[in-house]
């Protein structure tokens, strides 16, 4: 449940077209990703097929630690392992996520296997607040300051997870803050 929105999502911009990027080399995949337990179970249901498709043994997919978080589906998450400096599911022969490619090649909606945290990046949520991911807040995301706002770039994902009414409210907020020339305070929410 989102109750507040950090206004930075309407001001910060990023490239958005990951598969057309020629300069980041999937840097956002350096740390792995949190996968909520609901999606961990979904991935496990496809384990045999995913092992065959990726060539990666299922025992190498996730760290053993479970982090409790009531805000994510399933109430907790596990993190994907990092191999050679990138998420274990990074396509090392091409670009992007092997889970995403698996879904495309098996006629599945990628939302069925990829976590909400992954699909919403570089947005995040914390204590019922929709906000920027840490990589944006600390300016370490390589593709910052190019392209549309984080909100515009991920509007379709936000609609998928939170619905049309939520998007209608955010569109109204966007209208009120888009023309602001004053600097919003980091963490300013509505």
Protein backbone atom coordinates (compact mmCIF):
# COMPACT_ATOMS: atom_id res chain seq x y z
CA UNK A 1 0.00 0.00 0.00
CA UNK A 2 1.39 3.38 -1.03
CA UNK A 3 0.25 6.34 1.08
CA UNK A 4 2.86 8.95 0.12
CA UNK A 5 4.90 9.83 -2.94
CA UNK A 6 8.34 11.42 -2.92
CA UNK A 7 8.21 14.36 -5.34
CA UNK A 8 11.64 13.46 -6.74
CA UNK A 9 9.99 10.81 -8.93
CA UNK A 10 8.47 13.68 -10.98
CA UNK A 11 11.78 15.54 -11.38
CA UNK A 12 14.61 13.01 -11.69
CA UNK A 13 15.13 11.57 -15.16
CA UNK A 14 16.78 8.45 -16.56
CA UNK A 15 17.39 6.78 -19.92
CA UNK A 16 14.55 4.15 -19.61
CA UNK A 17 15.36 2.21 -22.82
CA UNK A 18 17.64 -0.39 -21.28
CA UNK A 19 17.97 -2.69 -24.26
CA UNK A 20 18.98 0.26 -26.48
CA UNK A 21 21.61 1.45 -24.01
CA UNK A 22 25.18 1.20 -25.25
CA UNK A 23 27.08 2.54 -22.27
CA UNK A 24 26.02 1.16 -18.88
CA UNK A 25 26.79 -2.55 -19.42
CA UNK A 26 23.92 -3.47 -17.07
CA UNK A 27 25.53 -1.71 -14.11
CA UNK A 28 22.23 -1.70 -12.23
CA UNK A 29 22.54 -5.51 -12.05
CA UNK A 30 25.80 -5.37 -10.09
CA UNK A 31 24.22 -6.10 -6.72
CA UNK A 32 21.53 -8.64 -7.52
CA UNK A 33 17.93 -7.89 -6.64
CA UNK A 34 15.49 -8.56 -3.82
CA UNK A 35 12.89 -11.10 -4.86
CA UNK A 36 9.76 -11.32 -2.72
CA UNK A 37 8.83 -14.79 -1.52
CA UNK A 38 5.77 -14.92 -3.75
CA UNK A 39 8.01 -14.58 -6.83
CA UNK A 40 10.61 -16.94 -5.39
CA UNK A 41 7.87 -19.58 -5.31
CA UNK A 42 6.83 -18.72 -8.88
CA UNK A 43 10.43 -19.08 -10.06
CA UNK A 44 10.74 -22.40 -8.21
CA UNK A 45 7.65 -23.72 -10.04
CA UNK A 46 9.56 -23.19 -13.30
CA UNK A 47 12.89 -24.35 -11.86
CA UNK A 48 13.54 -27.24 -14.27
CA UNK A 49 12.81 -25.11 -17.33
CA UNK A 50 14.77 -22.11 -16.00
CA UNK A 51 17.80 -24.30 -15.22
CA UNK A 52 17.74 -25.66 -18.76
CA UNK A 53 17.23 -22.21 -20.29
CA UNK A 54 19.87 -20.37 -18.25
CA UNK A 55 22.37 -23.16 -17.61
CA UNK A 56 22.44 -22.02 -13.98
CA UNK A 57 21.74 -24.52 -11.23
CA UNK A 58 18.84 -23.50 -8.96
CA UNK A 59 21.04 -23.79 -5.87
CA UNK A 60 23.01 -20.78 -7.23
CA UNK A 61 20.00 -18.48 -7.75
CA UNK A 62 19.39 -16.99 -4.30
CA UNK A 63 21.25 -16.22 -1.10
CA UNK A 64 20.06 -18.25 1.88
CA UNK A 65 19.08 -15.20 3.93
CA UNK A 66 15.40 -14.29 4.19
CA UNK A 67 14.67 -10.65 4.98
CA UNK A 68 11.30 -9.99 6.57
CA UNK A 69 9.44 -7.07 4.98
CA UNK A 70 5.68 -6.68 5.37
CA UNK A 71 5.58 -4.33 2.36
CA UNK A 72 6.47 -7.01 -0.22
CA UNK A 73 4.31 -9.87 -1.49
CA UNK A 74 4.86 -12.89 0.73
CA UNK A 75 6.05 -10.71 3.65
CA UNK A 76 9.75 -11.33 3.03
CA UNK A 77 12.36 -11.53 0.29
CA UNK A 78 15.54 -13.26 -0.76
CA UNK A 79 18.30 -11.71 -2.82
CA UNK A 80 19.62 -13.09 -6.07
CA UNK A 81 23.24 -14.13 -5.86
CA UNK A 82 25.98 -12.15 -7.53
CA UNK A 83 28.35 -14.00 -9.84
CA UNK A 84 31.41 -12.30 -11.32
CA UNK A 85 30.12 -8.89 -10.23
CA UNK A 86 26.57 -9.15 -11.59
CA UNK A 87 23.21 -10.71 -10.75
CA UNK A 88 23.26 -14.43 -11.49
CA UNK A 89 20.35 -13.90 -13.93
CA UNK A 90 22.17 -11.32 -16.07
CA UNK A 91 22.44 -12.40 -19.69
CA UNK A 92 26.20 -12.51 -20.11
CA UNK A 93 26.02 -13.25 -23.85
CA UNK A 94 23.77 -10.31 -24.58
CA UNK A 95 21.84 -7.79 -22.54
CA UNK A 96 19.23 -7.79 -19.84
CA UNK A 97 17.69 -10.32 -17.53
CA UNK A 98 17.53 -14.03 -18.30
CA UNK A 99 14.27 -14.34 -16.36
CA UNK A 100 12.76 -11.64 -18.56
CA UNK A 101 14.03 -13.39 -21.69
CA UNK A 102 12.74 -16.72 -20.38
CA UNK A 103 9.28 -15.19 -19.98
CA UNK A 104 9.37 -13.70 -23.48
CA UNK A 105 10.48 -17.00 -25.01
CA UNK A 106 7.86 -19.02 -23.09
CA UNK A 107 4.96 -16.62 -23.71
CA UNK A 108 4.72 -15.64 -20.03
CA UNK A 109 4.10 -12.21 -18.56
CA UNK A 110 7.45 -11.17 -17.05
CA UNK A 111 5.55 -9.92 -13.97
CA UNK A 112 4.91 -13.59 -13.17
CA UNK A 113 8.61 -14.25 -12.46
CA UNK A 114 10.29 -10.88 -11.91
CA UNK A 115 9.84 -9.21 -8.55
CA UNK A 116 8.05 -5.91 -8.07
CA UNK A 117 11.31 -4.37 -6.86
CA UNK A 118 12.97 -5.39 -10.12
CA UNK A 119 10.15 -4.19 -12.37
CA UNK A 120 9.84 -0.81 -10.63
CA UNK A 121 13.56 0.02 -10.60
CA UNK A 122 14.77 2.80 -10.35
CA UNK A 123 11.68 3.53 -8.26
CA UNK A 124 11.27 1.87 -4.91
CA UNK A 125 9.02 1.98 -1.87
CA UNK A 126 9.75 2.32 1.80
CA UNK A 127 7.38 2.74 4.74
CA UNK A 128 4.41 3.12 2.37
CA UNK A 129 6.18 5.81 0.35
CA UNK A 130 6.85 5.54 -3.37
CA UNK A 131 10.34 6.95 -3.77
CA UNK A 132 13.55 6.77 -5.76
CA UNK A 133 15.82 3.76 -5.40
CA UNK A 134 19.08 4.28 -3.51
CA UNK A 135 20.99 4.37 -6.82
CA UNK A 136 19.06 7.52 -7.75
CA UNK A 137 19.21 9.11 -4.30
CA UNK A 138 23.01 8.76 -4.19
CA UNK A 139 23.44 9.67 -7.90
CA UNK A 140 25.22 6.40 -8.70
CA UNK A 141 22.78 5.25 -11.41
CA UNK A 142 24.72 5.68 -14.65
CA UNK A 143 21.74 6.60 -16.82
CA UNK A 144 20.48 9.51 -14.69
CA UNK A 145 19.64 12.88 -16.23
CA UNK A 146 18.67 11.53 -19.66
CA UNK A 147 15.16 10.84 -20.89
CA UNK A 148 11.79 11.10 -19.16
CA UNK A 149 11.13 11.39 -15.46
CA UNK A 150 11.18 8.27 -13.33
CA UNK A 151 7.40 8.55 -13.05
CA UNK A 152 6.86 8.78 -16.81
CA UNK A 153 9.36 6.02 -17.52
CA UNK A 154 7.64 3.63 -15.11
CA UNK A 155 4.04 4.83 -15.28
CA UNK A 156 2.90 1.61 -17.02
CA UNK A 157 4.52 -0.52 -14.30
CA UNK A 158 2.93 1.56 -11.55
CA UNK A 159 -0.43 1.13 -13.24
CA UNK A 160 0.11 -2.62 -13.46
CA UNK A 161 0.80 -2.91 -9.72
CA UNK A 162 -1.42 -0.21 -8.24
CA UNK A 163 -4.19 0.42 -10.78
CA UNK A 164 -5.67 3.21 -12.86
CA UNK A 165 -7.05 5.19 -9.93
CA UNK A 166 -3.57 5.38 -8.41
CA UNK A 167 -2.18 6.62 -11.75
CA UNK A 168 -4.94 9.23 -12.01
CA UNK A 169 -3.90 10.60 -8.61
CA UNK A 170 -0.23 10.60 -9.59
CA UNK A 171 -1.02 12.34 -12.90
CA UNK A 172 -2.67 15.13 -10.88
CA UNK A 173 0.32 15.42 -8.57
CA UNK A 174 2.62 15.48 -11.59
CA UNK A 175 0.67 18.43 -13.04
CA UNK A 176 1.08 20.43 -9.85
CA UNK A 177 4.81 19.83 -9.44
CA UNK A 178 5.96 19.69 -13.07
CA UNK A 179 6.21 23.45 -13.45
CA UNK A 180 7.94 24.07 -10.15
CA UNK A 181 11.27 25.73 -10.57
CA UNK A 182 12.14 25.76 -6.88
CA UNK A 183 14.18 22.87 -5.58
CA UNK A 184 12.11 20.31 -3.73
CA UNK A 185 13.56 18.96 -0.56
CA UNK A 186 14.90 15.43 -0.78
CA UNK A 187 12.22 13.25 0.71
CA UNK A 188 9.43 15.82 0.25
CA UNK A 189 6.23 13.83 -0.13
CA UNK A 190 2.55 14.35 -0.86
